[in-house]
């Protein structure tokens, strides 16, 4: 049976756990080559191995998408590895627990980065 995304290339950010990990695995299962990006190299490499062990193609890129240079590098490295980008899943983000009036300055300053 033909897989729906055969020959497509996807970038998934925040791919080291949770929704990003599940999305990357699902895209690979449908035939996409996936560039997976996240800050945590250990978790990221484990996801890449899981995809490869299932017969998929994964290219892990350790990067912080809050840094514009690193975000651009994700795209450039993906294009160098797979020649193009067809799908982008912007999943990376951070979450803070607590009341807004208890947030510290660095937490508040990071909000525009996440939008």
C-alpha atoms as a PDB file:
ATOM      1  CA  UNK A   1       0.000   0.000   0.000  1.00  0.00           C
ATOM      2  CA  UNK A   2       1.315   3.448  -0.900  1.00  0.00           C
ATOM      3  CA  UNK A   3       2.075   5.731   1.986  1.00  0.00           C
ATOM      4  CA  UNK A   4       0.474   9.183   1.771  1.00  0.00           C
ATOM      5  CA  UNK A   5       3.653  11.215   2.344  1.00  0.00           C
ATOM      6  CA  UNK A   6       6.172   9.154   0.372  1.00  0.00           C
ATOM      7  CA  UNK A   7       8.856  11.471  -1.022  1.00  0.00           C
ATOM      8  CA  UNK A   8       7.879  14.439   1.148  1.00  0.00           C
ATOM      9  CA  UNK A   9      10.228  16.144   3.603  1.00  0.00           C
ATOM     10  CA  UNK A  10       9.008  17.451   6.957  1.00  0.00           C
ATOM     11  CA  UNK A  11      10.563  19.554   9.692  1.00  0.00           C
ATOM     12  CA  UNK A  12       9.108  19.024  13.163  1.00  0.00           C
ATOM     13  CA  UNK A  13      10.261  21.313  15.970  1.00  0.00           C
ATOM     14  CA  UNK A  14       9.879  20.355  19.604  1.00  0.00           C
ATOM     15  CA  UNK A  15      10.267  16.761  18.447  1.00  0.00           C
ATOM     16  CA  UNK A  16      12.065  15.318  21.469  1.00  0.00           C
ATOM     17  CA  UNK A  17       8.856  14.484  23.375  1.00  0.00           C
ATOM     18  CA  UNK A  18       5.086  14.727  23.496  1.00  0.00           C
ATOM     19  CA  UNK A  19       3.110  16.039  20.532  1.00  0.00           C
ATOM     20  CA  UNK A  20       6.243  16.788  18.484  1.00  0.00           C
ATOM     21  CA  UNK A  21       7.587  13.275  18.948  1.00  0.00           C
ATOM     22  CA  UNK A  22       4.233  11.710  18.065  1.00  0.00           C
ATOM     23  CA  UNK A  23       3.881  13.948  15.009  1.00  0.00           C
ATOM     24  CA  UNK A  24       7.367  13.097  13.731  1.00  0.00           C
ATOM     25  CA  UNK A  25       6.723   9.375  14.180  1.00  0.00           C
ATOM     26  CA  UNK A  26       3.352   9.621  12.410  1.00  0.00           C
ATOM     27  CA  UNK A  27       4.810  11.577   9.480  1.00  0.00           C
ATOM     28  CA  UNK A  28       7.638   9.056   9.108  1.00  0.00           C
ATOM     29  CA  UNK A  29       5.160   6.172   9.246  1.00  0.00           C
ATOM     30  CA  UNK A  30       3.374   7.730   6.266  1.00  0.00           C
ATOM     31  CA  UNK A  31       6.647   7.886   4.319  1.00  0.00           C
ATOM     32  CA  UNK A  32       7.940  11.394   4.987  1.00  0.00           C
ATOM     33  CA  UNK A  33      11.618  12.006   5.604  1.00  0.00           C
ATOM     34  CA  UNK A  34      11.664  13.947   8.870  1.00  0.00           C
ATOM     35  CA  UNK A  35      14.111  16.488  10.184  1.00  0.00           C
ATOM     36  CA  UNK A  36      13.440  16.599  13.901  1.00  0.00           C
ATOM     37  CA  UNK A  37      14.599  19.553  15.949  1.00  0.00           C
ATOM     38  CA  UNK A  38      14.728  20.171  19.680  1.00  0.00           C
ATOM     39  CA  UNK A  39      17.060  21.404  22.404  1.00  0.00           C
ATOM     40  CA  UNK A  40      17.477  18.077  24.243  1.00  0.00           C
ATOM     41  CA  UNK A  41      19.939  15.979  22.244  1.00  0.00           C
ATOM     42  CA  UNK A  42      19.511  12.760  24.220  1.00  0.00           C
ATOM     43  CA  UNK A  43      15.753  12.659  23.781  1.00  0.00           C
ATOM     44  CA  UNK A  44      16.022  13.846  20.172  1.00  0.00           C
ATOM     45  CA  UNK A  45      18.484  11.120  19.211  1.00  0.00           C
ATOM     46  CA  UNK A  46      16.253   8.500  20.852  1.00  0.00           C
ATOM     47  CA  UNK A  47      13.304   9.660  18.730  1.00  0.00           C
ATOM     48  CA  UNK A  48      15.468   9.541  15.596  1.00  0.00           C
ATOM     49  CA  UNK A  49      16.529   5.983  16.412  1.00  0.00           C
ATOM     50  CA  UNK A  50      12.921   4.954  17.020  1.00  0.00           C
ATOM     51  CA  UNK A  51      11.943   6.306  13.592  1.00  0.00           C
ATOM     52  CA  UNK A  52      14.911   4.642  11.886  1.00  0.00           C
ATOM     53  CA  UNK A  53      14.237   1.323  13.634  1.00  0.00           C
ATOM     54  CA  UNK A  54      10.705   1.456  12.211  1.00  0.00           C
ATOM     55  CA  UNK A  55      12.070   1.858   8.682  1.00  0.00           C
ATOM     56  CA  UNK A  56      11.747   5.640   8.455  1.00  0.00           C
ATOM     57  CA  UNK A  57      14.256   8.371   7.737  1.00  0.00           C
ATOM     58  CA  UNK A  58      15.055  10.862  10.493  1.00  0.00           C
ATOM     59  CA  UNK A  59      17.627  13.629  10.700  1.00  0.00           C
ATOM     60  CA  UNK A  60      18.035  15.014  14.242  1.00  0.00           C
ATOM     61  CA  UNK A  61      19.066  18.661  14.637  1.00  0.00           C
ATOM     62  CA  UNK A  62      19.821  20.040  18.092  1.00  0.00           C
ATOM     63  CA  UNK A  63      18.598  23.639  18.035  1.00  0.00           C
ATOM     64  CA  UNK A  64      16.637  26.257  19.939  1.00  0.00           C
ATOM     65  CA  UNK A  65      13.994  27.827  17.691  1.00  0.00           C
ATOM     66  CA  UNK A  66      13.896  30.882  19.954  1.00  0.00           C
ATOM     67  CA  UNK A  67      17.289  31.726  18.426  1.00  0.00           C
ATOM     68  CA  UNK A  68      16.759  33.064  14.891  1.00  0.00           C
ATOM     69  CA  UNK A  69      20.142  31.852  13.638  1.00  0.00           C
ATOM     70  CA  UNK A  70      19.486  28.337  14.921  1.00  0.00           C
ATOM     71  CA  UNK A  71      15.965  28.358  13.478  1.00  0.00           C
ATOM     72  CA  UNK A  72      17.298  29.283  10.040  1.00  0.00           C
ATOM     73  CA  UNK A  73      19.985  26.624  10.411  1.00  0.00           C
ATOM     74  CA  UNK A  74      17.295  23.958  10.863  1.00  0.00           C
ATOM     75  CA  UNK A  75      15.902  24.791   7.425  1.00  0.00           C
ATOM     76  CA  UNK A  76      19.310  24.997   5.750  1.00  0.00           C
ATOM     77  CA  UNK A  77      20.524  21.718   7.244  1.00  0.00           C
ATOM     78  CA  UNK A  78      17.285  19.994   6.271  1.00  0.00           C
ATOM     79  CA  UNK A  79      17.609  21.219   2.690  1.00  0.00           C
ATOM     80  CA  UNK A  80      21.242  20.078   2.604  1.00  0.00           C
ATOM     81  CA  UNK A  81      20.249  16.619   3.875  1.00  0.00           C
ATOM     82  CA  UNK A  82      17.003  16.068   1.948  1.00  0.00           C
ATOM     83  CA  UNK A  83      17.124  18.793  -0.789  1.00  0.00           C
ATOM     84  CA  UNK A  84      13.804  20.489   0.071  1.00  0.00           C
ATOM     85  CA  UNK A  85      11.146  21.118   2.711  1.00  0.00           C
ATOM     86  CA  UNK A  86       7.500  20.285   2.008  1.00  0.00           C
ATOM     87  CA  UNK A  87       5.973  20.277   5.493  1.00  0.00           C
ATOM     88  CA  UNK A  88       6.686  22.405   8.565  1.00  0.00           C
ATOM     89  CA  UNK A  89       5.287  21.604  12.003  1.00  0.00           C
ATOM     90  CA  UNK A  90       6.057  24.450  14.416  1.00  0.00           C
ATOM     91  CA  UNK A  91       5.519  22.578  17.650  1.00  0.00           C
ATOM     92  CA  UNK A  92       8.301  23.885  19.906  1.00  0.00           C
ATOM     93  CA  UNK A  93       7.280  25.880  22.916  1.00  0.00           C
ATOM     94  CA  UNK A  94       7.624  26.265  26.621  1.00  0.00           C
ATOM     95  CA  UNK A  95       5.073  26.285  29.397  1.00  0.00           C
ATOM     96  CA  UNK A  96       5.231  27.916  32.784  1.00  0.00           C
ATOM     97  CA  UNK A  97       3.121  26.901  35.733  1.00  0.00           C
ATOM     98  CA  UNK A  98       1.711  29.399  38.160  1.00  0.00           C
ATOM     99  CA  UNK A  99      -0.115  32.674  38.322  1.00  0.00           C
ATOM    100  CA  UNK A 100       0.784  35.470  35.899  1.00  0.00           C
ATOM    101  CA  UNK A 101       1.470  37.858  38.762  1.00  0.00           C
ATOM    102  CA  UNK A 102       4.092  35.404  40.017  1.00  0.00           C
ATOM    103  CA  UNK A 103       5.961  35.156  36.701  1.00  0.00           C
ATOM    104  CA  UNK A 104       9.520  36.430  36.604  1.00  0.00           C
ATOM    105  CA  UNK A 105      10.866  38.871  34.019  1.00  0.00           C
ATOM    106  CA  UNK A 106      12.608  36.251  31.871  1.00  0.00           C
ATOM    107  CA  UNK A 107       9.398  34.211  31.613  1.00  0.00           C
ATOM    108  CA  UNK A 108       7.431  37.264  30.525  1.00  0.00           C
ATOM    109  CA  UNK A 109      10.099  38.364  28.039  1.00  0.00           C
ATOM    110  CA  UNK A 110      10.027  34.941  26.347  1.00  0.00           C
ATOM    111  CA  UNK A 111       6.341  35.237  25.422  1.00  0.00           C
ATOM    112  CA  UNK A 112       6.848  37.204  22.138  1.00  0.00           C
ATOM    113  CA  UNK A 113       9.362  34.542  21.053  1.00  0.00           C
ATOM    114  CA  UNK A 114       6.673  31.897  21.311  1.00  0.00           C
ATOM    115  CA  UNK A 115       4.055  33.712  19.244  1.00  0.00           C
END
